[in-house]
């Protein structure tokens, strides 16, 4: 499933389970620097999410991926700060892990 995001802050990802590709259009005027992208609060074990800066503006309009109550490799958030950068995450039942 592909989900396109172009607004910030606090865009909450919604999907059933399994895999999700999230394309964040940082070139959109509605995306602000440091905009939050909230991961699902209760993901299923094994859920995978790929977050991609599709707008090539993360260098000046970063994407803050928020675990939404679940850590990401023992941190509350991870930040995408390079144009076209991506972040692949999997949920292991207790927290998100960067792959």
N, C-alpha and C. Protein backbone atom coordinates (compact mmCIF):
# COMPACT_ATOMS: atom_id res chain seq x y z
N UNK A 1 0.84 -1.16 0.00
CA UNK A 1 0.00 0.00 0.00
C UNK A 1 0.90 1.23 0.00
N UNK A 2 0.55 2.23 -0.78
CA UNK A 2 1.28 3.49 -0.84
C UNK A 2 0.42 4.59 -0.24
N UNK A 3 1.01 5.38 0.62
CA UNK A 3 0.31 6.52 1.20
C UNK A 3 1.14 7.76 0.93
N UNK A 4 0.54 8.76 0.29
CA UNK A 4 1.23 10.01 0.01
C UNK A 4 0.88 11.02 1.09
N UNK A 5 1.90 11.74 1.56
CA UNK A 5 1.73 12.71 2.63
C UNK A 5 2.33 14.02 2.17
N UNK A 6 1.59 15.12 2.36
CA UNK A 6 2.15 16.42 1.97
C UNK A 6 1.78 17.52 2.96
N UNK A 7 1.24 17.15 4.09
CA UNK A 7 0.90 18.15 5.11
C UNK A 7 1.62 17.82 6.41
N UNK A 8 1.84 18.82 7.21
CA UNK A 8 2.44 18.61 8.52
C UNK A 8 1.91 19.71 9.42
N UNK A 9 2.00 19.58 10.69
CA UNK A 9 2.59 18.48 11.44
C UNK A 9 1.57 17.40 11.75
N UNK A 10 2.05 16.37 12.38
CA UNK A 10 1.25 15.29 12.97
C UNK A 10 0.35 14.56 11.99
N UNK A 11 0.93 14.10 10.91
CA UNK A 11 0.21 13.23 9.99
C UNK A 11 0.29 11.82 10.58
N UNK A 12 -0.85 11.20 10.86
CA UNK A 12 -0.87 9.86 11.46
C UNK A 12 -1.03 8.83 10.34
N UNK A 13 -0.12 7.88 10.30
CA UNK A 13 -0.20 6.84 9.29
C UNK A 13 -1.30 5.85 9.64
N UNK A 14 -2.08 5.50 8.65
CA UNK A 14 -3.15 4.53 8.86
C UNK A 14 -3.05 3.45 7.80
N UNK A 15 -3.06 2.21 8.23
CA UNK A 15 -3.07 1.07 7.33
C UNK A 15 -3.43 -0.16 8.13
N UNK A 16 -3.85 -1.19 7.44
CA UNK A 16 -4.28 -2.39 8.13
C UNK A 16 -3.10 -3.09 8.79
N UNK A 17 -2.32 -3.81 8.06
CA UNK A 17 -1.11 -4.42 8.58
C UNK A 17 -0.26 -4.87 7.41
N UNK A 18 0.94 -5.22 7.71
CA UNK A 18 1.82 -5.67 6.64
C UNK A 18 2.84 -4.63 6.29
N UNK A 19 2.78 -4.12 5.05
CA UNK A 19 3.80 -3.21 4.55
C UNK A 19 3.17 -1.92 4.06
N UNK A 20 3.90 -0.84 4.22
CA UNK A 20 3.42 0.45 3.78
C UNK A 20 4.58 1.28 3.27
N UNK A 21 4.41 1.89 2.10
CA UNK A 21 5.36 2.86 1.57
C UNK A 21 4.74 4.23 1.76
N UNK A 22 5.46 5.11 2.45
CA UNK A 22 4.96 6.47 2.70
C UNK A 22 5.86 7.43 1.94
N UNK A 23 5.28 8.10 0.95
CA UNK A 23 6.00 9.09 0.18
C UNK A 23 5.65 10.47 0.73
N UNK A 24 6.64 11.15 1.29
CA UNK A 24 6.42 12.47 1.88
C UNK A 24 6.88 13.52 0.87
N UNK A 25 5.94 14.33 0.40
CA UNK A 25 6.26 15.38 -0.57
C UNK A 25 6.69 16.64 0.18
N UNK A 26 7.97 16.70 0.48
CA UNK A 26 8.51 17.85 1.22
C UNK A 26 8.55 19.11 0.37
N UNK A 27 8.31 18.99 -0.94
CA UNK A 27 8.28 20.17 -1.80
C UNK A 27 6.93 20.88 -1.74
N UNK A 28 5.93 20.21 -1.18
CA UNK A 28 4.60 20.82 -1.07
C UNK A 28 4.63 21.99 -0.09
N UNK A 29 3.93 23.02 -0.41
CA UNK A 29 3.88 24.20 0.46
C UNK A 29 3.26 23.92 1.81
N UNK A 30 2.52 22.82 1.92
CA UNK A 30 1.87 22.48 3.19
C UNK A 30 2.77 21.67 4.12
N UNK A 31 3.96 21.24 3.64
CA UNK A 31 4.89 20.51 4.50
C UNK A 31 5.85 21.52 5.12
N UNK A 32 5.93 21.55 6.45
CA UNK A 32 6.82 22.49 7.13
C UNK A 32 8.04 21.76 7.67
N UNK A 33 9.13 22.48 7.81
CA UNK A 33 10.36 21.90 8.33
C UNK A 33 10.12 21.26 9.68
N UNK A 34 10.65 20.06 9.86
CA UNK A 34 10.47 19.35 11.12
C UNK A 34 9.07 18.80 11.31
N UNK A 35 8.33 18.66 10.21
CA UNK A 35 6.98 18.13 10.30
C UNK A 35 6.98 16.70 10.82
N UNK A 36 6.04 16.39 11.69
CA UNK A 36 5.96 15.06 12.29
C UNK A 36 5.14 14.11 11.44
N UNK A 37 5.62 12.89 11.35
CA UNK A 37 4.91 11.80 10.73
C UNK A 37 4.75 10.75 11.82
N UNK A 38 3.53 10.51 12.27
CA UNK A 38 3.28 9.60 13.39
C UNK A 38 3.06 8.18 12.89
N UNK A 39 3.86 7.25 13.40
CA UNK A 39 3.66 5.85 13.09
C UNK A 39 2.42 5.35 13.83
N UNK A 40 1.83 4.24 13.39
CA UNK A 40 0.65 3.70 14.05
C UNK A 40 0.95 3.41 15.53
N UNK A 41 0.01 3.71 16.44
CA UNK A 41 0.26 3.51 17.87
C UNK A 41 0.25 2.05 18.30
N UNK A 42 -0.43 1.18 17.56
CA UNK A 42 -0.53 -0.24 17.94
C UNK A 42 -0.27 -1.13 16.73
N UNK A 43 0.97 -1.13 16.22
CA UNK A 43 1.25 -1.94 15.03
C UNK A 43 1.32 -3.43 15.36
N UNK A 44 1.08 -4.24 14.36
CA UNK A 44 1.23 -5.68 14.52
C UNK A 44 2.70 -6.05 14.42
N UNK A 45 3.10 -7.11 15.11
CA UNK A 45 4.46 -7.60 15.04
C UNK A 45 4.79 -7.91 13.58
N UNK A 46 5.94 -7.44 13.12
CA UNK A 46 6.36 -7.68 11.74
C UNK A 46 5.95 -6.61 10.75
N UNK A 47 5.19 -5.62 11.20
CA UNK A 47 4.79 -4.53 10.31
C UNK A 47 6.02 -3.80 9.81
N UNK A 48 6.03 -3.46 8.52
CA UNK A 48 7.13 -2.71 7.92
C UNK A 48 6.62 -1.43 7.30
N UNK A 49 7.41 -0.38 7.49
CA UNK A 49 7.08 0.93 6.93
C UNK A 49 8.34 1.50 6.28
N UNK A 50 8.20 1.96 5.05
CA UNK A 50 9.28 2.65 4.36
C UNK A 50 8.84 4.10 4.16
N UNK A 51 9.58 5.03 4.75
CA UNK A 51 9.29 6.46 4.63
C UNK A 51 10.31 7.05 3.68
N UNK A 52 9.85 7.76 2.65
CA UNK A 52 10.73 8.30 1.61
C UNK A 52 10.43 9.77 1.38
N UNK A 53 11.49 10.58 1.31
CA UNK A 53 11.34 11.99 0.92
C UNK A 53 11.21 12.05 -0.59
N UNK A 54 9.99 12.10 -1.08
CA UNK A 54 9.75 12.13 -2.53
C UNK A 54 9.84 13.54 -3.10
N UNK A 55 9.89 14.55 -2.24
CA UNK A 55 9.92 15.94 -2.70
C UNK A 55 11.31 16.54 -2.76
N UNK A 56 12.31 15.80 -2.31
CA UNK A 56 13.72 16.21 -2.38
C UNK A 56 14.05 17.48 -1.61
N UNK A 57 13.26 17.81 -0.59
CA UNK A 57 13.50 19.02 0.19
C UNK A 57 13.80 18.75 1.66
N UNK A 58 14.09 17.49 2.01
CA UNK A 58 14.33 17.15 3.42
C UNK A 58 15.55 17.86 3.99
N UNK A 59 16.44 18.32 3.13
CA UNK A 59 17.60 19.06 3.61
C UNK A 59 17.22 20.35 4.30
N UNK A 60 16.13 20.97 3.86
CA UNK A 60 15.66 22.21 4.47
C UNK A 60 14.30 22.04 5.14
N UNK A 61 13.57 20.99 4.80
CA UNK A 61 12.25 20.72 5.39
C UNK A 61 12.22 19.27 5.86
N UNK A 62 12.90 19.01 6.97
CA UNK A 62 13.10 17.64 7.45
C UNK A 62 11.78 16.95 7.81
N UNK A 63 11.88 15.63 7.89
CA UNK A 63 10.74 14.77 8.26
C UNK A 63 11.10 14.12 9.59
N UNK A 64 10.30 14.37 10.62
CA UNK A 64 10.51 13.73 11.92
C UNK A 64 9.54 12.56 12.02
N UNK A 65 10.09 11.35 12.02
CA UNK A 65 9.28 10.13 12.15
C UNK A 65 9.16 9.84 13.64
N UNK A 66 7.93 9.84 14.14
CA UNK A 66 7.64 9.69 15.56
C UNK A 66 7.05 8.31 15.81
N UNK A 67 7.61 7.59 16.78
CA UNK A 67 7.13 6.25 17.11
C UNK A 67 5.74 6.20 17.71
N UNK A 68 5.18 7.35 18.07
CA UNK A 68 3.79 7.43 18.55
C UNK A 68 3.54 6.49 19.73
N UNK A 69 4.46 6.55 20.71
CA UNK A 69 4.32 5.71 21.90
C UNK A 69 5.23 4.49 21.88
N UNK A 70 5.83 4.21 20.74
CA UNK A 70 6.79 3.11 20.60
C UNK A 70 8.13 3.69 20.17
N UNK A 71 9.20 3.26 20.80
CA UNK A 71 10.52 3.76 20.43
C UNK A 71 10.94 3.27 19.05
N UNK A 72 11.88 4.01 18.47
CA UNK A 72 12.54 3.63 17.22
C UNK A 72 14.01 3.44 17.59
N UNK A 73 14.45 2.21 17.68
CA UNK A 73 15.82 1.91 18.14
C UNK A 73 16.16 2.69 19.41
N UNK A 74 15.30 2.56 20.40
CA UNK A 74 15.48 3.18 21.73
C UNK A 74 15.41 4.71 21.73
N UNK A 75 14.91 5.30 20.67
CA UNK A 75 14.73 6.75 20.59
C UNK A 75 13.25 7.04 20.32
N UNK A 76 12.78 8.21 20.72
CA UNK A 76 11.39 8.58 20.49
C UNK A 76 11.12 8.89 19.02
N UNK A 77 12.12 9.45 18.33
CA UNK A 77 11.95 9.85 16.94
C UNK A 77 13.20 9.54 16.12
N UNK A 78 13.05 9.56 14.80
CA UNK A 78 14.17 9.54 13.85
C UNK A 78 13.88 10.64 12.84
N UNK A 79 14.93 11.29 12.37
CA UNK A 79 14.74 12.42 11.46
C UNK A 79 15.38 12.15 10.11
N UNK A 80 14.63 12.45 9.06
CA UNK A 80 15.13 12.37 7.69
C UNK A 80 15.55 13.77 7.29
N UNK A 81 16.83 13.95 6.96
CA UNK A 81 17.36 15.30 6.72
C UNK A 81 18.07 15.47 5.38
N UNK A 82 18.05 14.44 4.54
CA UNK A 82 18.71 14.53 3.24
C UNK A 82 17.71 14.34 2.11
N UNK A 83 17.86 15.08 1.01
CA UNK A 83 16.96 14.92 -0.13
C UNK A 83 16.90 13.47 -0.61
N UNK A 84 15.69 13.00 -0.86
CA UNK A 84 15.40 11.65 -1.35
C UNK A 84 15.77 10.54 -0.36
N UNK A 85 16.14 10.90 0.87
CA UNK A 85 16.49 9.89 1.87
C UNK A 85 15.26 9.04 2.21
N UNK A 86 15.53 7.80 2.60
CA UNK A 86 14.44 6.92 3.04
C UNK A 86 14.81 6.26 4.35
N UNK A 87 13.79 5.76 5.03
CA UNK A 87 13.97 5.11 6.32
C UNK A 87 13.07 3.88 6.33
N UNK A 88 13.66 2.69 6.46
CA UNK A 88 12.91 1.45 6.49
C UNK A 88 12.84 0.96 7.93
N UNK A 89 11.62 0.75 8.41
CA UNK A 89 11.38 0.35 9.79
C UNK A 89 10.57 -0.94 9.84
N UNK A 90 10.84 -1.75 10.86
CA UNK A 90 10.03 -2.93 11.11
C UNK A 90 9.68 -2.95 12.60
N UNK A 91 8.49 -3.41 12.93
CA UNK A 91 8.06 -3.47 14.32
C UNK A 91 8.27 -4.88 14.83
N UNK A 92 9.00 -4.99 15.95
CA UNK A 92 9.36 -6.32 16.48
C UNK A 92 8.50 -6.77 17.66
N UNK A 93 7.41 -6.07 17.89
CA UNK A 93 6.52 -6.43 19.00
C UNK A 93 6.72 -5.54 20.22
N UNK A 94 7.87 -4.89 20.32
CA UNK A 94 8.12 -4.00 21.44
C UNK A 94 8.55 -2.60 21.00
N UNK A 95 9.22 -2.51 19.85
CA UNK A 95 9.63 -1.20 19.33
C UNK A 95 9.90 -1.32 17.83
N UNK A 96 10.03 -0.14 17.20
CA UNK A 96 10.40 -0.08 15.79
C UNK A 96 11.92 -0.21 15.67
N UNK A 97 12.39 -0.92 14.66
CA UNK A 97 13.82 -1.05 14.41
C UNK A 97 14.11 -0.56 12.99
N UNK A 98 15.21 0.19 12.86
CA UNK A 98 15.65 0.64 11.55
C UNK A 98 16.39 -0.52 10.90
N UNK A 99 16.03 -0.82 9.68
CA UNK A 99 16.67 -1.92 8.94
C UNK A 99 17.67 -1.32 7.97
